[in-house]
Amino acid sequence: SAAAMAKGKAVAATTTPQRRTQQQQRCGGCCDCGGCGCAKVCVIVFCVTLGVLGGVALSFSLWADSENLETSAAALELVSRVAPGFNASTVKAVNVIMDAVSGLTETTLDAVAVNSLKEMGYKPFYPVVFLPGLATTGLELWEGKECAKNNFRQRMWGTLSMMETFVLKTACWLEHMSLDPSSGIEQDPPGIKLRPAAGMEAADYIVPGFWIWGPLIEHLAQVGYDSNNMFMFGYDWRLSFPGIEERDHGFTKLKHTIELMQATNENKKVVLIAHSMGANVLLHFTKWVESPLGGNGGPTWVNDHMHALITIGGPWLGSVKVLPALLSGELSDAARLLGPLQVLFDKFFTKQQRASLMRSWGSLGSLFPRGGNKVWGNNEMAPDDPEIVFNTSTGRVIRFDHNGTFLTMDDVLERFRHDPELRHIVDKWVPF
């Protein structure tokens, strides 16, 4: 109301510059509006708008496609391996398990239906390890610059803490989320240390209400699983696969964790469930763990310790959408998600900033499309083109609107190899 606005102006007028400066320092310097009350309003307003648009949209755009999964004979076979004696004709049990595993249906999973699994005699058997995908493990700040001194052990990626930092201190957030590829081994920039969160909460929810593994963890717990036979492999998804081991010894820890879970669960082998890029991480791990140059587990380690591997939306042939993201900062999923608000998002978090940030992450090389033109096609045709094509080939994976030219998959990869800012990603790309 007009009276409220007048009152607000009167209060602001009585606030001395010195007091205002003290309030800004105490509130983190949110904005020059006269006090912590306004700073809190800034946090709420910006977090609800640009924070959601920025953090969540970016995480949406970075994931590989995992849509439209359906219950299949292969999936049912995998479920039967987790629960011996599983009867595929038990449609109710199938739907509950597949809903929890795929995470693609409405979040209306009935706890009564899950409890019915216990009534049917289901109980924990094989230990389970989860491998999250790209951008779904929380990253905590252990050391930071002056702009982030109040964020110790808070998440720069994940939770509302990420949104607040992203909105109020964007440059600070970008600096801390970037890696320093010039160091040879992938490292944080000097004076910065981000490390993956630990425990189930590392990847159960990316932000409150936006779940990743949360429902599956909950429903397995209702059947009887707990932290003694479930483990979340949180890792820094910005790192290339070799970097996960080189910097954090991630694969060594995973190897020993799997061995420990088997030893403490009556020697039962472990079931590994991987989502999105986690499937590629898992595949790399199975090769690393047996190699004399890696885990040196010997040629039978995987067979001796792993009962089954379940992958959800694994990008085995890579993801085309990662290419424009690295080339120009274009985020196709963000454009679809934001619609007309994309213009506002681009002004707040520019394409140049997005491209620079993602180019520092060696992990995106793991999502490079595999097979070149032989798999993805060329200017004239592609294996998945419809029978009748009117001067259009799906092998033209990149289109430049300003001049109407196209790039095929081989063209794109050739550009990456000759771009000094992108070459390090290609160098870290380890073909399977």
Protein backbone atom coordinates (compact mmCIF):
# COMPACT_ATOMS: atom_id res chain seq x y z
CA SER A 1 0.00 0.00 0.00
CA ALA A 2 1.00 3.68 -0.33
CA ALA A 3 1.16 4.02 3.45
CA ALA A 4 3.49 1.04 3.73
CA MET A 5 5.72 2.41 0.99
CA ALA A 6 5.88 5.79 2.72
CA LYS A 7 6.76 4.11 5.99
CA GLY A 8 9.49 2.13 4.27
CA LYS A 9 10.96 5.30 2.77
CA ALA A 10 10.92 6.98 6.16
CA VAL A 11 12.80 4.08 7.74
CA ALA A 12 15.35 4.08 4.92
CA ALA A 13 15.85 7.81 5.31
CA THR A 14 16.68 7.48 8.99
CA THR A 15 19.31 4.82 8.33
CA THR A 16 22.76 6.39 8.40
CA PRO A 17 25.37 5.37 5.80
CA GLN A 18 27.57 3.95 8.57
CA ARG A 19 24.73 1.83 9.99
CA ARG A 20 23.76 0.74 6.51
CA THR A 21 27.32 -0.42 5.81
CA GLN A 22 27.39 -2.37 9.08
CA GLN A 23 24.10 -4.02 8.20
CA GLN A 24 25.36 -5.00 4.76
CA GLN A 25 28.49 -6.54 6.21
CA ARG A 26 26.45 -8.45 8.77
CA CYS A 27 24.01 -9.65 6.08
CA GLY A 28 26.67 -10.59 3.56
CA GLY A 29 26.41 -7.43 1.44
CA CYS A 30 23.29 -8.62 -0.34
CA CYS A 31 22.13 -5.27 -1.60
CA ASP A 32 22.22 -1.60 -0.74
CA CYS A 33 18.69 -1.29 0.58
CA GLY A 34 19.07 -0.35 4.19
CA GLY A 35 19.14 -3.51 6.30
CA CYS A 36 18.89 -7.23 6.81
CA GLY A 37 15.15 -7.28 6.27
CA CYS A 38 15.61 -6.14 2.72
CA ALA A 39 18.56 -8.50 2.29
CA LYS A 40 16.33 -11.40 3.25
CA VAL A 41 13.76 -10.23 0.73
CA CYS A 42 16.50 -10.13 -1.90
CA VAL A 43 17.45 -13.71 -1.10
CA ILE A 44 13.87 -14.94 -1.26
CA VAL A 45 12.89 -13.08 -4.42
CA PHE A 46 16.00 -13.85 -6.40
CA CYS A 47 16.26 -17.45 -5.22
CA VAL A 48 12.68 -18.17 -6.18
CA THR A 49 13.14 -16.64 -9.62
CA LEU A 50 16.64 -16.63 -11.03
CA GLY A 51 17.95 -19.18 -8.52
CA VAL A 52 15.47 -21.80 -9.62
CA LEU A 53 15.93 -20.87 -13.25
CA GLY A 54 19.71 -21.00 -12.95
CA GLY A 55 20.62 -23.88 -10.68
CA VAL A 56 17.82 -26.29 -11.54
CA ALA A 57 17.79 -25.44 -15.25
CA LEU A 58 21.54 -26.01 -15.46
CA SER A 59 21.23 -29.39 -13.76
CA PHE A 60 18.37 -30.27 -16.12
CA SER A 61 20.43 -29.35 -19.14
CA LEU A 62 23.50 -31.32 -18.11
CA TRP A 63 21.83 -34.66 -17.63
CA ALA A 64 21.82 -37.18 -20.44
CA ASP A 65 18.40 -38.19 -21.74
CA SER A 66 16.64 -40.69 -19.49
CA GLU A 67 13.04 -40.27 -20.57
CA ASN A 68 10.28 -42.68 -21.48
CA LEU A 69 11.75 -45.75 -19.83
CA GLU A 70 9.33 -48.65 -19.92
CA THR A 71 9.16 -51.94 -18.08
CA SER A 72 10.86 -54.46 -20.36
CA ALA A 73 11.79 -58.10 -20.23
CA ALA A 74 15.42 -57.13 -19.69
CA ALA A 75 14.52 -54.80 -16.84
CA LEU A 76 12.39 -57.45 -15.20
CA GLU A 77 15.26 -59.89 -15.50
CA LEU A 78 17.56 -57.43 -13.71
CA VAL A 79 15.01 -56.94 -10.95
CA SER A 80 14.77 -60.70 -10.54
CA ARG A 81 18.51 -60.82 -9.93
CA VAL A 82 18.22 -58.33 -7.09
CA ALA A 83 15.36 -60.25 -5.49
CA PRO A 84 15.77 -64.02 -6.07
CA GLY A 85 12.44 -65.77 -6.46
CA PHE A 86 10.89 -62.72 -8.12
CA ASN A 87 7.78 -63.61 -10.10
CA ALA A 88 7.34 -61.39 -13.16
CA SER A 89 3.64 -62.05 -13.11
CA THR A 90 3.34 -60.15 -9.85
CA VAL A 91 2.39 -56.99 -11.67
CA LYS A 92 1.90 -54.90 -8.55
CA ALA A 93 5.39 -55.63 -7.27
CA VAL A 94 6.87 -55.00 -10.72
CA ASN A 95 5.23 -51.57 -10.98
CA VAL A 96 6.38 -50.52 -7.52
CA ILE A 97 9.99 -51.53 -8.14
CA MET A 98 10.15 -50.07 -11.64
CA ASP A 99 8.54 -46.82 -10.51
CA ALA A 100 11.13 -46.49 -7.76
CA VAL A 101 14.05 -47.40 -10.02
CA SER A 102 13.16 -45.33 -13.07
CA GLY A 103 12.07 -42.26 -11.12
CA LEU A 104 10.10 -41.12 -14.15
CA THR A 105 6.50 -41.47 -13.01
CA GLU A 106 4.51 -39.17 -10.76
CA THR A 107 5.79 -39.18 -7.19
CA THR A 108 2.68 -40.95 -5.94
CA LEU A 109 4.31 -44.22 -5.01
CA ASP A 110 2.07 -45.92 -2.49
CA ALA A 111 3.86 -46.85 0.74
CA VAL A 112 1.21 -49.50 1.29
CA ALA A 113 2.19 -51.14 -1.99
CA VAL A 114 5.83 -51.14 -0.92
CA ASN A 115 4.92 -52.59 2.44
CA SER A 116 3.05 -55.29 0.60
CA LEU A 117 6.40 -56.48 -0.70
CA LYS A 118 7.34 -57.27 2.90
CA GLU A 119 4.03 -59.09 3.32
CA MET A 120 4.87 -61.11 0.24
CA GLY A 121 8.13 -62.16 1.89
CA TYR A 122 10.58 -59.81 0.21
CA LYS A 123 13.55 -58.70 2.28
CA PRO A 124 17.07 -57.38 1.68
CA PHE A 125 19.40 -59.80 -0.01
CA TYR A 126 22.13 -58.28 -2.15
CA PRO A 127 23.94 -55.13 -0.97
CA VAL A 128 23.27 -52.14 -3.23
CA VAL A 129 25.57 -49.34 -4.44
CA PHE A 130 24.22 -46.24 -6.21
CA LEU A 131 26.24 -44.28 -8.79
CA PRO A 132 24.73 -40.84 -9.49
CA GLY A 133 24.96 -39.10 -12.84
CA LEU A 134 26.25 -35.74 -14.00
CA ALA A 135 25.41 -32.78 -11.76
CA THR A 136 23.57 -34.86 -9.16
CA THR A 137 26.15 -35.23 -6.35
CA GLY A 138 26.37 -32.30 -3.96
CA LEU A 139 29.70 -30.44 -3.86
CA GLU A 140 30.79 -28.94 -0.54
CA LEU A 141 33.17 -26.05 0.05
CA TRP A 142 36.19 -26.98 2.20
CA GLU A 143 38.34 -24.00 1.26
CA GLY A 144 37.33 -20.82 -0.51
CA LYS A 145 38.12 -17.26 -1.42
CA GLU A 146 37.08 -14.25 0.67
CA CYS A 147 33.74 -14.02 -1.11
CA ALA A 148 32.82 -17.50 0.16
CA LYS A 149 34.33 -17.39 3.63
CA ASN A 150 30.88 -17.88 5.20
CA ASN A 151 30.14 -20.97 3.08
CA PHE A 152 32.45 -23.48 4.76
CA ARG A 153 31.01 -27.01 4.45
CA GLN A 154 28.03 -25.60 2.61
CA ARG A 155 27.20 -26.77 -0.86
CA MET A 156 28.25 -24.84 -3.91
CA TRP A 157 26.23 -27.39 -5.86
CA GLY A 158 22.98 -28.69 -4.43
CA THR A 159 20.51 -27.47 -1.78
CA LEU A 160 19.22 -23.92 -1.36
CA SER A 161 22.71 -22.82 -0.34
CA MET A 162 23.75 -23.21 -3.98
CA MET A 163 20.85 -21.07 -5.16
CA GLU A 164 21.62 -18.27 -2.71
CA THR A 165 25.30 -18.14 -3.70
CA PHE A 166 24.50 -18.43 -7.41
CA VAL A 167 22.08 -15.51 -7.30
CA LEU A 168 23.74 -13.14 -4.84
CA LYS A 169 27.40 -13.83 -5.67
CA THR A 170 27.38 -15.15 -9.22
CA ALA A 171 31.02 -14.36 -10.01
CA CYS A 172 32.09 -16.00 -6.75
CA TRP A 173 30.00 -19.09 -7.52
CA LEU A 174 31.46 -19.39 -11.03
CA GLU A 175 35.02 -19.08 -9.72
CA HIS A 176 34.47 -21.84 -7.16
CA MET A 177 32.60 -24.18 -9.53
CA SER A 178 35.31 -24.00 -12.20
CA LEU A 179 38.27 -26.35 -12.39
CA ASP A 180 41.82 -25.46 -13.37
CA PRO A 181 42.77 -27.71 -16.32
CA SER A 182 46.10 -25.94 -16.76
CA SER A 183 47.46 -27.79 -13.72
CA GLY A 184 47.82 -31.04 -15.70
CA ILE A 185 45.99 -33.12 -13.12
CA GLU A 186 42.53 -31.63 -12.69
CA GLN A 187 42.44 -29.43 -9.62
CA ASP A 188 40.43 -26.65 -8.10
CA PRO A 189 41.85 -23.16 -8.68
CA PRO A 190 44.39 -22.03 -6.03
CA GLY A 191 42.75 -21.29 -2.69
CA ILE A 192 39.59 -23.25 -3.54
CA LYS A 193 38.63 -26.78 -2.59
CA LEU A 194 35.28 -28.36 -3.45
CA ARG A 195 34.72 -31.99 -2.54
CA PRO A 196 31.77 -34.35 -3.04
CA ALA A 197 29.26 -34.74 -0.24
CA ALA A 198 29.09 -38.11 1.50
CA GLY A 199 26.29 -40.42 2.54
CA MET A 200 22.82 -40.93 1.09
CA GLU A 201 22.14 -37.21 1.28
CA ALA A 202 24.89 -36.61 -1.28
CA ALA A 203 22.43 -37.34 -4.09
CA ASP A 204 18.98 -38.00 -2.67
CA TYR A 205 17.66 -34.50 -3.48
CA ILE A 206 19.41 -31.86 -5.57
CA VAL A 207 17.25 -29.18 -3.89
CA PRO A 208 14.31 -29.64 -1.51
CA GLY A 209 11.44 -31.20 -3.41
CA PHE A 210 13.55 -32.06 -6.48
CA TRP A 211 14.50 -35.66 -5.89
CA ILE A 212 17.14 -37.82 -7.54
CA TRP A 213 17.56 -41.07 -5.58
CA GLY A 214 15.31 -40.19 -2.64
CA PRO A 215 12.25 -42.33 -3.50
CA LEU A 216 14.32 -45.41 -4.33
CA ILE A 217 16.25 -45.12 -1.06
CA GLU A 218 13.01 -44.69 0.87
CA HIS A 219 11.28 -47.67 -0.69
CA LEU A 220 14.26 -49.97 -0.30
CA ALA A 221 14.39 -48.88 3.34
CA GLN A 222 10.73 -49.83 3.75
CA VAL A 223 11.61 -53.33 2.56
CA GLY A 224 14.40 -53.48 5.13
CA TYR A 225 17.53 -51.94 3.60
CA ASP A 226 19.64 -49.49 5.61
CA SER A 227 23.11 -47.94 5.65
CA ASN A 228 24.68 -51.35 6.30
CA ASN A 229 23.68 -52.68 2.89
CA MET A 230 23.17 -49.51 0.84
CA PHE A 231 25.91 -47.10 -0.22
CA MET A 232 25.90 -43.90 -2.28
CA PHE A 233 29.06 -43.36 -4.31
CA GLY A 234 29.30 -39.59 -4.30
CA TYR A 235 31.97 -38.24 -6.63
CA ASP A 236 33.00 -34.93 -8.18
CA TRP A 237 31.16 -35.15 -11.48
CA ARG A 238 33.20 -32.26 -12.92
CA LEU A 239 36.30 -34.45 -13.11
CA SER A 240 37.26 -36.68 -16.01
CA PHE A 241 37.12 -40.36 -15.15
CA PRO A 242 40.90 -40.57 -14.66
CA GLY A 243 40.63 -37.43 -12.52
CA ILE A 244 38.17 -39.08 -10.13
CA GLU A 245 40.94 -41.47 -9.16
CA GLU A 246 43.93 -39.15 -9.57
CA ARG A 247 42.62 -36.36 -7.34
CA ASP A 248 40.24 -38.06 -4.89
CA HIS A 249 41.16 -41.77 -5.15
CA GLY A 250 37.49 -42.31 -5.85
CA PHE A 251 37.75 -45.67 -7.58
CA THR A 252 40.09 -47.04 -4.91
CA LYS A 253 37.51 -46.09 -2.28
CA LEU A 254 34.71 -47.66 -4.33
CA LYS A 255 36.68 -50.89 -4.77
CA HIS A 256 37.30 -51.23 -1.03
CA THR A 257 33.70 -50.28 -0.23
CA ILE A 258 32.34 -53.02 -2.49
CA GLU A 259 34.71 -55.56 -0.93
CA LEU A 260 33.70 -54.43 2.57
CA MET A 261 29.97 -54.60 1.79
CA GLN A 262 30.38 -58.12 0.48
CA ALA A 263 32.41 -59.19 3.51
CA THR A 264 29.86 -57.76 5.97
CA ASN A 265 26.77 -59.12 4.17
CA GLU A 266 27.39 -62.87 4.30
CA ASN A 267 29.66 -62.73 1.24
CA LYS A 268 26.79 -61.72 -1.03
CA LYS A 269 27.89 -59.96 -4.20
CA VAL A 270 26.93 -56.34 -4.74
CA VAL A 271 24.30 -54.92 -7.11
CA LEU A 272 25.31 -51.58 -8.64
CA ILE A 273 22.64 -49.16 -9.89
CA ALA A 274 23.87 -46.27 -12.05
CA HIS A 275 22.00 -43.29 -13.50
CA SER A 276 22.88 -41.25 -16.59
CA MET A 277 26.65 -40.55 -16.73
CA GLY A 278 27.03 -42.82 -13.72
CA ALA A 279 26.64 -45.72 -16.15
CA ASN A 280 29.74 -44.55 -18.02
CA VAL A 281 31.57 -44.09 -14.70
CA LEU A 282 30.61 -47.64 -13.77
CA LEU A 283 31.82 -49.04 -17.08
CA HIS A 284 35.13 -47.24 -16.66
CA PHE A 285 35.42 -48.58 -13.10
CA THR A 286 34.92 -52.20 -14.21
CA LYS A 287 37.88 -51.82 -16.56
CA TRP A 288 40.01 -49.87 -14.09
CA VAL A 289 39.49 -52.24 -11.16
CA GLU A 290 40.83 -55.28 -13.00
CA SER A 291 43.68 -53.55 -14.83
CA PRO A 292 47.27 -53.86 -13.52
CA LEU A 293 47.52 -50.12 -14.22
CA GLY A 294 44.45 -49.41 -12.10
CA GLY A 295 42.94 -51.32 -9.18
CA ASN A 296 44.93 -54.47 -10.00
CA GLY A 297 42.05 -56.65 -8.86
CA GLY A 298 42.75 -59.32 -11.43
CA PRO A 299 40.65 -60.59 -14.35
CA THR A 300 37.90 -62.08 -12.16
CA TRP A 301 37.33 -59.20 -9.71
CA VAL A 302 34.08 -57.98 -11.33
CA ASN A 303 32.64 -61.48 -11.50
CA ASP A 304 33.72 -62.22 -7.93
CA HIS A 305 32.23 -59.07 -6.35
CA MET A 306 29.38 -57.83 -8.57
CA HIS A 307 26.11 -59.70 -8.89
CA ALA A 308 24.41 -57.34 -11.37
CA LEU A 309 24.72 -53.92 -12.97
CA ILE A 310 21.53 -51.89 -13.47
CA THR A 311 21.75 -48.71 -15.54
CA ILE A 312 19.04 -46.04 -15.83
CA GLY A 313 19.27 -43.85 -18.92
CA GLY A 314 22.95 -44.59 -19.49
CA PRO A 315 24.29 -42.56 -22.47
CA TRP A 316 26.32 -45.42 -23.93
CA LEU A 317 26.78 -43.65 -27.28
CA GLY A 318 27.16 -40.23 -25.70
CA SER A 319 24.88 -37.21 -25.77
CA VAL A 320 24.68 -34.77 -28.68
CA LYS A 321 23.45 -31.95 -26.42
CA VAL A 322 26.84 -31.70 -24.71
CA LEU A 323 28.41 -30.42 -27.95
CA PRO A 324 26.57 -27.08 -28.29
CA ALA A 325 26.92 -26.60 -24.55
CA LEU A 326 30.70 -26.71 -24.88
CA LEU A 327 30.93 -24.89 -28.19
CA SER A 328 28.74 -21.90 -27.37
CA GLY A 329 27.06 -22.36 -23.99
CA GLU A 330 23.74 -23.28 -25.60
CA LEU A 331 21.58 -25.33 -23.23
CA SER A 332 18.75 -26.88 -25.21
CA ASP A 333 16.95 -28.26 -22.16
CA ALA A 334 17.10 -24.89 -20.41
CA ALA A 335 15.54 -23.27 -23.49
CA ARG A 336 12.66 -25.74 -23.44
CA LEU A 337 12.25 -25.45 -19.68
CA LEU A 338 12.37 -21.65 -19.47
CA GLY A 339 10.59 -20.68 -22.68
CA PRO A 340 10.29 -16.87 -22.90
CA LEU A 341 12.31 -16.52 -19.68
CA GLN A 342 15.38 -17.78 -21.55
CA VAL A 343 16.21 -14.17 -22.47
CA LEU A 344 16.30 -13.20 -18.79
CA PHE A 345 18.35 -16.28 -17.94
CA ASP A 346 20.89 -15.43 -20.68
CA LYS A 347 21.33 -11.91 -19.33
CA PHE A 348 21.91 -13.15 -15.79
CA PHE A 349 24.04 -16.19 -16.70
CA THR A 350 25.45 -15.57 -20.16
CA LYS A 351 26.29 -18.16 -22.77
CA GLN A 352 29.94 -17.13 -22.56
CA GLN A 353 29.96 -17.74 -18.80
CA ARG A 354 28.26 -21.11 -19.21
CA ALA A 355 30.64 -22.23 -21.94
CA SER A 356 33.71 -21.14 -19.97
CA LEU A 357 32.48 -22.96 -16.86
CA MET A 358 31.67 -26.22 -18.62
CA ARG A 359 34.86 -26.18 -20.65
CA SER A 360 36.79 -26.43 -17.40
CA TRP A 361 35.09 -29.75 -16.57
CA GLY A 362 36.91 -32.76 -17.96
CA SER A 363 33.90 -34.99 -17.29
CA LEU A 364 31.97 -33.75 -20.30
CA GLY A 365 34.37 -35.58 -22.56
CA SER A 366 32.82 -38.81 -21.27
CA LEU A 367 29.55 -37.74 -22.90
CA PHE A 368 31.05 -37.11 -26.33
CA PRO A 369 29.01 -39.01 -28.93
CA ARG A 370 30.76 -42.23 -29.91
CA GLY A 371 31.27 -43.54 -33.42
CA GLY A 372 31.54 -40.35 -35.48
CA ASN A 373 29.74 -40.14 -38.79
CA LYS A 374 29.46 -43.92 -39.08
CA VAL A 375 26.99 -43.92 -36.20
CA TRP A 376 25.52 -40.41 -36.34
CA GLY A 377 25.44 -39.83 -40.10
CA ASN A 378 26.70 -37.09 -42.42
CA ASN A 379 25.33 -34.21 -44.48
CA GLU A 380 23.44 -36.53 -46.83
CA MET A 381 22.07 -39.30 -44.58
CA ALA A 382 22.04 -40.91 -41.17
CA PRO A 383 21.11 -44.45 -40.07
CA ASP A 384 17.98 -43.22 -38.25
CA ASP A 385 16.69 -40.92 -41.01
CA PRO A 386 13.12 -41.61 -42.13
CA GLU A 387 12.69 -43.17 -45.56
CA ILE A 388 11.62 -39.89 -47.14
CA VAL A 389 13.85 -36.95 -46.27
CA PHE A 390 13.52 -33.52 -47.84
CA ASN A 391 17.06 -32.14 -47.91
CA THR A 392 17.45 -32.84 -44.20
CA SER A 393 19.71 -35.34 -42.49
CA THR A 394 19.82 -35.97 -38.78
CA GLY A 395 23.56 -36.36 -39.30
CA ARG A 396 23.71 -32.56 -39.30
CA VAL A 397 24.10 -32.37 -35.54
CA ILE A 398 24.94 -28.64 -35.32
CA ARG A 399 23.22 -25.88 -37.29
CA PHE A 400 24.36 -22.24 -37.48
CA ASP A 401 21.32 -20.04 -38.00
CA HIS A 402 23.26 -16.94 -39.06
CA ASN A 403 24.60 -18.54 -42.25
CA GLY A 404 22.66 -21.78 -42.61
CA THR A 405 25.70 -24.06 -42.41
CA PHE A 406 25.86 -27.43 -40.67
CA LEU A 407 28.40 -29.58 -38.87
CA THR A 408 28.48 -33.36 -38.76
CA MET A 409 29.81 -35.29 -35.78
CA ASP A 410 33.28 -35.65 -37.30
CA ASP A 411 33.32 -31.90 -38.06
CA VAL A 412 32.49 -31.07 -34.44
CA LEU A 413 35.15 -33.35 -32.98
CA GLU A 414 37.73 -31.91 -35.37
CA ARG A 415 36.94 -28.42 -34.09
CA PHE A 416 37.38 -29.63 -30.53
CA ARG A 417 40.79 -31.07 -31.30
CA HIS A 418 42.04 -27.76 -32.73
CA ASP A 419 40.53 -25.46 -30.09
CA PRO A 420 43.06 -24.81 -27.28
CA GLU A 421 40.23 -24.30 -24.77
CA LEU A 422 38.56 -27.60 -25.69
CA ARG A 423 41.55 -29.79 -26.51
CA HIS A 424 42.07 -30.84 -22.88
CA ILE A 425 38.58 -32.34 -22.80
CA VAL A 426 39.34 -34.48 -25.86
CA ASP A 427 42.67 -35.52 -24.31
CA LYS A 428 40.84 -36.71 -21.18
CA TRP A 429 38.21 -38.59 -23.15
CA VAL A 430 38.91 -42.27 -22.60
CA PRO A 431 37.23 -44.49 -25.25
CA PHE A 432 35.84 -47.73 -23.88
